[in-house]
Amino acid sequence: MFRRTIDVQKITQFFFAAVFAILLGCSGGSSPQDQLNEIDTLMKKGFPLTSEQKESVTALVTEGKVLLEQGKKKESSDAFEKAIEVLNMAQDAYIFNKAD
């Protein structure tokens, strides 16, 4: 019975973390600089990233910065948003696994 309670608690925590991440992602209207600040904030939290996640975030941020320098705000914002999604997934996984 006790194990079932832990599983429900873990699922509940993951659900709330996922909803929070979705709400952050749906806030929209963020400037590329705001998105870079959000990426920086998420990175400073120190959540563990897989090699694939690290490579993906690095590539997306680099791509976004290049696009921003070319004046392509929409495209750069899309790249930054994808990087934020990867970081939010890593954060959610960390929170979910920590609940064990």
Protein backbone atom coordinates (compact mmCIF):
# COMPACT_ATOMS: atom_id res chain seq x y z
CA MET A 1 0.00 0.00 0.00
CA PHE A 2 2.81 2.41 0.87
CA ARG A 3 4.45 1.91 -2.54
CA ARG A 4 1.21 2.90 -4.27
CA THR A 5 1.14 6.18 -2.31
CA ILE A 6 4.65 7.03 -3.44
CA ASP A 7 3.73 6.33 -7.06
CA VAL A 8 0.68 8.60 -6.83
CA GLN A 9 2.81 11.32 -5.25
CA LYS A 10 5.46 10.97 -7.96
CA ILE A 11 2.86 11.11 -10.71
CA THR A 12 1.22 14.16 -9.13
CA GLN A 13 4.55 15.99 -8.88
CA PHE A 14 5.38 15.17 -12.48
CA PHE A 15 1.93 16.33 -13.62
CA PHE A 16 2.29 19.70 -11.91
CA ALA A 17 5.82 20.15 -13.26
CA ALA A 18 4.59 19.35 -16.77
CA VAL A 19 1.66 21.77 -16.49
CA PHE A 20 4.02 24.48 -15.26
CA ALA A 21 6.36 23.85 -18.20
CA ILE A 22 3.46 23.98 -20.64
CA LEU A 23 2.22 27.24 -19.18
CA LEU A 24 5.69 28.73 -19.47
CA GLY A 25 5.93 27.56 -23.06
CA CYS A 26 2.52 28.95 -23.94
CA SER A 27 3.25 32.36 -22.53
CA GLY A 28 4.41 33.37 -26.01
CA GLY A 29 5.37 36.87 -27.02
CA SER A 30 8.81 36.58 -25.45
CA SER A 31 11.57 38.38 -27.25
CA PRO A 32 14.63 36.38 -28.29
CA GLN A 33 16.59 38.14 -25.52
CA ASP A 34 13.97 37.08 -22.96
CA GLN A 35 14.27 33.54 -24.26
CA LEU A 36 18.07 33.64 -23.96
CA ASN A 37 17.66 34.84 -20.38
CA GLU A 38 15.26 31.96 -19.70
CA ILE A 39 17.74 29.48 -21.22
CA ASP A 40 20.49 30.95 -19.02
CA THR A 41 18.29 30.67 -15.93
CA LEU A 42 17.39 27.05 -16.70
CA MET A 43 21.05 26.17 -17.32
CA LYS A 44 22.09 27.74 -14.01
CA LYS A 45 19.69 25.44 -12.17
CA GLY A 46 22.13 22.65 -12.95
CA PHE A 47 19.69 19.93 -13.92
CA PRO A 48 21.57 16.98 -15.42
CA LEU A 49 21.41 16.78 -19.21
CA THR A 50 22.16 13.81 -21.40
CA SER A 51 24.85 14.22 -24.04
CA GLU A 52 22.13 14.41 -26.67
CA GLN A 53 20.28 17.14 -24.75
CA LYS A 54 23.50 19.15 -24.27
CA GLU A 55 24.33 18.92 -27.97
CA SER A 56 20.79 19.83 -28.93
CA VAL A 57 20.64 22.88 -26.65
CA THR A 58 24.07 24.07 -27.80
CA ALA A 59 23.16 23.67 -31.47
CA LEU A 60 19.78 25.38 -31.06
CA VAL A 61 21.22 28.33 -29.14
CA THR A 62 24.02 28.74 -31.68
CA GLU A 63 21.53 28.57 -34.55
CA GLY A 64 19.26 31.06 -32.80
CA LYS A 65 22.08 33.53 -32.25
CA VAL A 66 23.18 33.30 -35.89
CA LEU A 67 19.61 33.84 -37.07
CA LEU A 68 19.22 36.77 -34.68
CA GLU A 69 22.38 38.39 -36.07
CA GLN A 70 20.85 38.03 -39.54
CA GLY A 71 17.75 39.87 -38.33
CA LYS A 72 15.52 36.79 -38.44
CA LYS A 73 13.78 37.27 -35.10
CA LYS A 74 10.97 34.76 -35.72
CA GLU A 75 13.33 31.97 -36.76
CA SER A 76 15.73 32.69 -33.90
CA SER A 77 12.83 32.71 -31.46
CA ASP A 78 11.73 29.30 -32.78
CA ALA A 79 15.23 27.88 -32.20
CA PHE A 80 15.40 29.33 -28.69
CA GLU A 81 11.93 27.95 -27.90
CA LYS A 82 13.07 24.45 -28.91
CA ALA A 83 16.10 24.80 -26.62
CA ILE A 84 13.80 25.84 -23.77
CA GLU A 85 11.62 22.79 -24.42
CA VAL A 86 14.66 20.49 -24.18
CA LEU A 87 15.72 22.13 -20.91
CA ASN A 88 12.20 21.93 -19.47
CA MET A 89 12.04 18.22 -20.34
CA ALA A 90 15.36 17.67 -18.57
CA GLN A 91 14.08 19.58 -15.54
CA ASP A 92 10.83 17.56 -15.49
CA ALA A 93 12.76 14.27 -15.74
CA TYR A 94 15.03 15.34 -12.88
CA ILE A 95 12.08 16.27 -10.68
CA PHE A 96 10.28 13.04 -11.56
CA ASN A 97 13.34 10.88 -10.84
CA LYS A 98 14.13 12.78 -7.64
CA ALA A 99 10.67 11.91 -6.30
CA ASP A 100 11.85 8.30 -5.93
